[in-house]
Amino acid sequence: MTAKNMDRYVTFKGIDGDGNARRLVAMLRRHIDDPALANPFWERFKEKLAQCAPGANSQGRQLDELFLVHSYINNIRELFEDQDDREALALLQQVEVESC
């Protein structure tokens, strides 16, 4: 079964949501780690990303990359659009359809 004909509300089987989110975050880091693009929002987002690390203290809850991507999908999309990052936009669309 391909991702195109998979009904995400029936099954997540065969979807690497966590892996895709990690790949997406790596693409995002290329931009938000650029000092020319630094701003308070992305600095706070990076703090939240640090809480995704295994064993990180997140006030009793474990954050993950997929949760953060889902929570900030519009901000992430806007950044990728501003940077004309077509590859990242395509993966973001896939993550949104398959996992969010």
Protein backbone atom coordinates (compact mmCIF):
# COMPACT_ATOMS: atom_id res chain seq x y z
CA MET A 1 0.00 0.00 0.00
CA THR A 2 1.44 3.40 -0.93
CA ALA A 3 1.14 6.56 1.13
CA LYS A 4 -1.14 8.05 -1.52
CA ASN A 5 -3.89 5.49 -1.04
CA MET A 6 -3.38 4.94 2.68
CA ASP A 7 -6.16 6.25 4.90
CA ARG A 8 -4.30 7.81 7.82
CA TYR A 9 -7.37 7.58 10.04
CA VAL A 10 -7.50 3.83 9.67
CA THR A 11 -3.85 2.88 10.05
CA PHE A 12 -0.39 4.29 10.56
CA LYS A 13 1.08 0.92 9.55
CA GLY A 14 3.93 1.38 7.13
CA ILE A 15 4.32 5.09 7.91
CA ASP A 16 7.59 6.15 9.54
CA GLY A 17 6.13 9.21 11.22
CA ASP A 18 8.91 9.54 13.76
CA GLY A 19 11.63 9.06 11.16
CA ASN A 20 10.03 11.53 8.77
CA ALA A 21 9.68 14.07 11.58
CA ARG A 22 13.36 13.66 12.47
CA ARG A 23 14.32 14.18 8.80
CA LEU A 24 12.10 17.24 8.66
CA VAL A 25 13.66 18.69 11.82
CA ALA A 26 17.13 18.17 10.31
CA MET A 27 15.98 20.18 7.27
CA LEU A 28 14.53 22.82 9.58
CA ARG A 29 17.78 23.06 11.56
CA ARG A 30 19.64 24.05 8.38
CA HIS A 31 17.62 27.26 8.49
CA ILE A 32 17.02 27.99 12.16
CA ASP A 33 20.68 27.40 13.05
CA ASP A 34 21.69 30.07 10.52
CA PRO A 35 22.56 33.18 12.57
CA ALA A 36 21.12 35.37 9.79
CA LEU A 37 17.67 33.85 10.43
CA ALA A 38 17.83 33.90 14.23
CA ASN A 39 14.84 35.26 16.11
CA PRO A 40 13.28 34.66 19.54
CA PHE A 41 10.62 32.28 18.19
CA TRP A 42 13.11 29.86 16.61
CA GLU A 43 15.44 30.12 19.61
CA ARG A 44 12.57 29.00 21.86
CA PHE A 45 11.68 26.28 19.36
CA LYS A 46 15.28 24.98 19.58
CA GLU A 47 14.90 24.82 23.36
CA LYS A 48 11.81 22.66 22.87
CA LEU A 49 13.71 20.46 20.42
CA ALA A 50 16.34 19.88 23.10
CA GLN A 51 13.55 18.51 25.31
CA CYS A 52 12.95 15.79 22.71
CA ALA A 53 16.22 14.08 23.58
CA PRO A 54 15.81 10.82 25.48
CA GLY A 55 15.98 11.50 29.19
CA ALA A 56 15.43 15.23 28.81
CA ASN A 57 13.49 16.80 31.66
CA SER A 58 10.28 18.16 30.14
CA GLN A 59 8.31 18.68 33.33
CA GLY A 60 7.21 15.07 33.48
CA ARG A 61 6.36 14.57 29.81
CA GLN A 62 8.38 13.38 26.86
CA LEU A 63 8.22 15.63 23.82
CA ASP A 64 9.04 14.30 20.39
CA GLU A 65 9.80 15.82 17.01
CA LEU A 66 6.49 14.73 15.48
CA PHE A 67 4.55 16.51 18.23
CA LEU A 68 6.54 19.72 17.69
CA VAL A 69 6.15 19.54 13.90
CA HIS A 70 2.42 19.08 14.32
CA SER A 71 2.16 21.90 16.88
CA TYR A 72 4.13 24.40 14.78
CA ILE A 73 3.35 23.19 11.27
CA ASN A 74 2.23 26.61 10.00
CA ASN A 75 5.35 28.36 11.33
CA ILE A 76 7.55 25.67 9.80
CA ARG A 77 5.74 25.90 6.47
CA GLU A 78 6.16 29.68 6.42
CA LEU A 79 9.90 29.38 7.05
CA PHE A 80 10.35 26.78 4.31
CA GLU A 81 8.33 28.94 1.91
CA ASP A 82 10.38 32.03 2.80
CA GLN A 83 13.56 30.05 2.15
CA ASP A 84 12.12 28.45 -1.00
CA ASP A 85 13.04 25.02 0.35
CA ARG A 86 10.98 22.83 -1.97
CA GLU A 87 12.39 19.54 -0.69
CA ALA A 88 11.49 20.42 2.90
CA LEU A 89 8.03 21.63 1.85
CA ALA A 90 7.38 18.32 0.10
CA LEU A 91 8.38 16.35 3.18
CA LEU A 92 6.32 18.66 5.39
CA GLN A 93 3.29 17.99 3.21
CA GLN A 94 3.90 14.25 3.44
CA VAL A 95 4.22 14.40 7.24
CA GLU A 96 1.07 16.47 7.50
CA VAL A 97 -0.97 14.06 5.37
CA GLU A 98 0.40 10.88 6.90
CA SER A 99 0.89 11.74 10.55
CA CYS A 100 -0.73 14.97 11.71
